[in-house]
Amino acid sequence: MPVLAVNKRANFDYDIQETYEAGLVLLGHEVKAVKTGHVSLKGSYVTFKKRAGQNLPEAYLTNAHIPLYKHAGKITNYEPARPRKLLLKKKELAYLMGKKDEQGLTLAPIKIYTKRSFIKLEFGVGKGRKKYDKREVIKKRELDRNIRTLTKNKILNTKF
């Protein structure tokens, strides 16, 4: 399961409560571009759009940047940041819609990876953090790092 792209800001900006896996609907040259690592999840998010004649809206990955594959040939009117449909079950869609509307949560993409020959997106349901929450996370991370290094050095310095 090689990871192709990671959204490093997702875990920092949001308090992720649950994670989900969804398939992505991509064009052929987009698949090649993603598999070569040319994808950016920076500033992307998951939205819902309702199409005419459907009861349940569909989930889309919005604002993810997948550039044109350089060996794809001449493709006109290609939009790198177009919305890409996510493949989810109806129950999952209904559950996520309820979570998003009821509690004001955000759906943030975390990473894109391959599973067998399929390209999957892992996204999380999370609540946005305030600036003071982010500072607390940084302090806690530094404290944990210091504790790990001190215990590691103590273990290495003790003689058995």
Protein backbone atom coordinates (compact mmCIF):
# COMPACT_ATOMS: atom_id res chain seq x y z
CA MET A 1 0.00 0.00 0.00
CA PRO A 2 2.36 2.74 -1.16
CA VAL A 3 1.30 6.22 -0.15
CA LEU A 4 1.28 8.60 -3.12
CA ALA A 5 0.36 11.89 -1.41
CA VAL A 6 -0.17 13.09 2.16
CA ASN A 7 -2.00 16.15 3.44
CA LYS A 8 0.27 17.11 6.33
CA ARG A 9 -1.96 19.98 7.43
CA ALA A 10 -5.04 17.78 7.94
CA ASN A 11 -3.99 16.36 11.31
CA PHE A 12 -2.71 19.76 12.41
CA ASP A 13 -5.70 21.87 11.36
CA TYR A 14 -8.41 19.37 12.30
CA ASP A 15 -9.09 17.08 15.23
CA ILE A 16 -9.80 13.91 13.20
CA GLN A 17 -12.43 11.69 14.86
CA GLU A 18 -13.08 9.02 12.20
CA THR A 19 -11.40 8.00 8.96
CA TYR A 20 -12.95 6.58 5.80
CA GLU A 21 -11.63 5.05 2.61
CA ALA A 22 -13.10 5.87 -0.79
CA GLY A 23 -12.25 5.11 -4.38
CA LEU A 24 -11.54 7.94 -6.82
CA VAL A 25 -12.97 8.34 -10.30
CA LEU A 26 -10.06 9.51 -12.45
CA LEU A 27 -9.25 9.82 -16.13
CA GLY A 28 -6.55 7.61 -17.61
CA HIS A 29 -3.82 10.22 -17.74
CA GLU A 30 -4.73 11.35 -14.21
CA VAL A 31 -4.12 7.82 -12.93
CA LYS A 32 -0.64 7.84 -14.44
CA ALA A 33 0.08 11.28 -12.99
CA VAL A 34 -1.07 10.19 -9.52
CA LYS A 35 0.91 6.95 -9.62
CA THR A 36 4.06 8.93 -10.45
CA GLY A 37 3.41 11.08 -7.37
CA HIS A 38 2.22 14.23 -9.11
CA VAL A 39 -0.72 15.08 -6.86
CA SER A 40 -1.28 17.69 -4.17
CA LEU A 41 -3.94 17.54 -1.47
CA LYS A 42 -3.02 20.95 -0.07
CA GLY A 43 -6.16 23.00 0.46
CA SER A 44 -8.49 20.23 -0.73
CA TYR A 45 -11.69 19.09 0.94
CA VAL A 46 -14.69 16.79 0.39
CA THR A 47 -18.01 18.29 -0.73
CA PHE A 48 -21.45 16.95 -1.54
CA LYS A 49 -23.35 17.78 -4.74
CA LYS A 50 -26.86 16.68 -5.53
CA ARG A 51 -27.58 15.76 -9.14
CA ALA A 52 -31.01 16.06 -10.74
CA GLY A 53 -33.19 12.97 -10.29
CA GLN A 54 -31.23 11.53 -7.37
CA ASN A 55 -32.27 11.26 -3.75
CA LEU A 56 -28.83 11.17 -2.20
CA PRO A 57 -26.04 13.60 -3.12
CA GLU A 58 -22.64 12.39 -4.32
CA ALA A 59 -19.30 13.07 -2.62
CA TYR A 60 -16.55 14.89 -4.52
CA LEU A 61 -12.92 15.63 -3.80
CA THR A 62 -12.64 19.35 -4.47
CA ASN A 63 -9.53 21.44 -5.09
CA ALA A 64 -7.06 18.53 -5.28
CA HIS A 65 -4.41 19.40 -7.85
CA ILE A 66 -3.46 16.67 -10.34
CA PRO A 67 -1.37 18.16 -13.15
CA LEU A 68 -1.49 16.94 -16.73
CA TYR A 69 0.64 13.83 -17.27
CA LYS A 70 3.60 14.94 -19.38
CA HIS A 71 3.44 11.96 -21.77
CA ALA A 72 -0.35 12.15 -22.21
CA GLY A 73 -0.24 13.93 -25.52
CA LYS A 74 -2.38 16.86 -26.51
CA ILE A 75 -5.37 17.25 -24.20
CA THR A 76 -7.33 20.47 -24.48
CA ASN A 77 -9.37 22.13 -21.77
CA TYR A 78 -7.91 20.04 -18.95
CA GLU A 79 -8.58 21.45 -15.50
CA PRO A 80 -6.08 20.19 -12.86
CA ALA A 81 -8.22 21.16 -9.85
CA ARG A 82 -11.57 19.83 -11.10
CA PRO A 83 -13.87 18.01 -8.63
CA ARG A 84 -13.38 14.24 -8.67
CA LYS A 85 -16.13 11.86 -7.64
CA LEU A 86 -15.63 9.61 -4.61
CA LEU A 87 -16.97 6.08 -4.59
CA LEU A 88 -18.79 5.45 -1.32
CA LYS A 89 -21.68 3.24 -0.24
CA LYS A 90 -25.13 4.80 0.20
CA LYS A 91 -25.10 4.17 3.95
CA GLU A 92 -21.73 5.88 4.30
CA LEU A 93 -22.92 8.85 2.24
CA ALA A 94 -26.06 9.26 4.36
CA TYR A 95 -24.06 8.96 7.58
CA LEU A 96 -21.44 11.50 6.46
CA MET A 97 -24.10 13.96 5.29
CA GLY A 98 -25.77 13.77 8.69
CA LYS A 99 -22.48 14.25 10.53
CA LYS A 100 -21.52 17.24 8.39
CA ASP A 101 -24.89 18.99 8.69
CA GLU A 102 -25.70 18.16 12.29
CA GLN A 103 -22.43 18.75 14.09
CA GLY A 104 -20.66 21.17 11.74
CA LEU A 105 -17.78 18.80 11.06
CA THR A 106 -15.41 18.96 8.09
CA LEU A 107 -14.35 16.19 5.73
CA ALA A 108 -10.61 16.59 5.15
CA PRO A 109 -8.53 14.34 2.85
CA ILE A 110 -5.58 12.76 4.63
CA LYS A 111 -3.75 10.70 2.01
CA ILE A 112 -3.96 9.08 -1.42
CA TYR A 113 -2.56 5.56 -1.80
CA THR A 114 -2.83 2.46 -3.96
CA LYS A 115 -4.60 -0.68 -2.83
CA ARG A 116 -3.90 -3.48 -5.30
CA SER A 117 -4.32 -1.61 -8.60
CA PHE A 118 -6.90 0.89 -7.31
CA ILE A 119 -6.25 4.45 -6.17
CA LYS A 120 -7.89 5.17 -2.83
CA LEU A 121 -8.43 8.32 -0.81
CA GLU A 122 -8.41 8.29 2.98
CA PHE A 123 -10.32 11.19 4.46
CA GLY A 124 -11.27 12.07 7.99
CA VAL A 125 -14.27 13.54 9.74
CA GLY A 126 -12.92 16.25 11.98
CA LYS A 127 -13.57 19.45 13.82
CA GLY A 128 -11.45 22.50 13.03
CA ARG A 129 -8.91 23.53 15.62
CA LYS A 130 -8.48 27.06 16.92
CA LYS A 131 -5.10 28.73 17.10
CA TYR A 132 -4.67 28.04 20.82
CA ASP A 133 -5.50 24.35 20.24
CA LYS A 134 -2.74 24.16 17.64
CA ARG A 135 -0.27 25.64 20.11
CA GLU A 136 -1.22 22.99 22.67
CA VAL A 137 -0.66 20.25 20.08
CA ILE A 138 2.82 21.62 19.31
CA LYS A 139 3.71 21.77 23.03
CA LYS A 140 2.46 18.22 23.62
CA ARG A 141 4.41 16.90 20.60
CA GLU A 142 7.64 18.55 21.79
CA LEU A 143 7.14 17.26 25.33
CA ASP A 144 6.57 13.70 24.07
CA ARG A 145 9.67 13.95 21.87
CA ASN A 146 11.78 15.12 24.82
CA ILE A 147 10.48 12.32 27.03
CA ARG A 148 11.26 9.74 24.34
CA THR A 149 14.81 10.99 23.89
CA LEU A 150 15.44 11.13 27.64
CA THR A 151 14.15 7.61 28.23
CA LYS A 152 16.07 6.34 25.20
CA ASN A 153 19.30 7.90 26.48
CA LYS A 154 18.66 6.58 29.99
CA ILE A 155 18.12 3.06 28.66
CA LEU A 156 21.27 3.26 26.56
CA ASN A 157 23.39 4.57 29.46
CA THR A 158 22.34 1.91 31.96
CA LYS A 159 24.51 -1.20 32.19
CA PHE A 160 22.96 -4.61 32.62
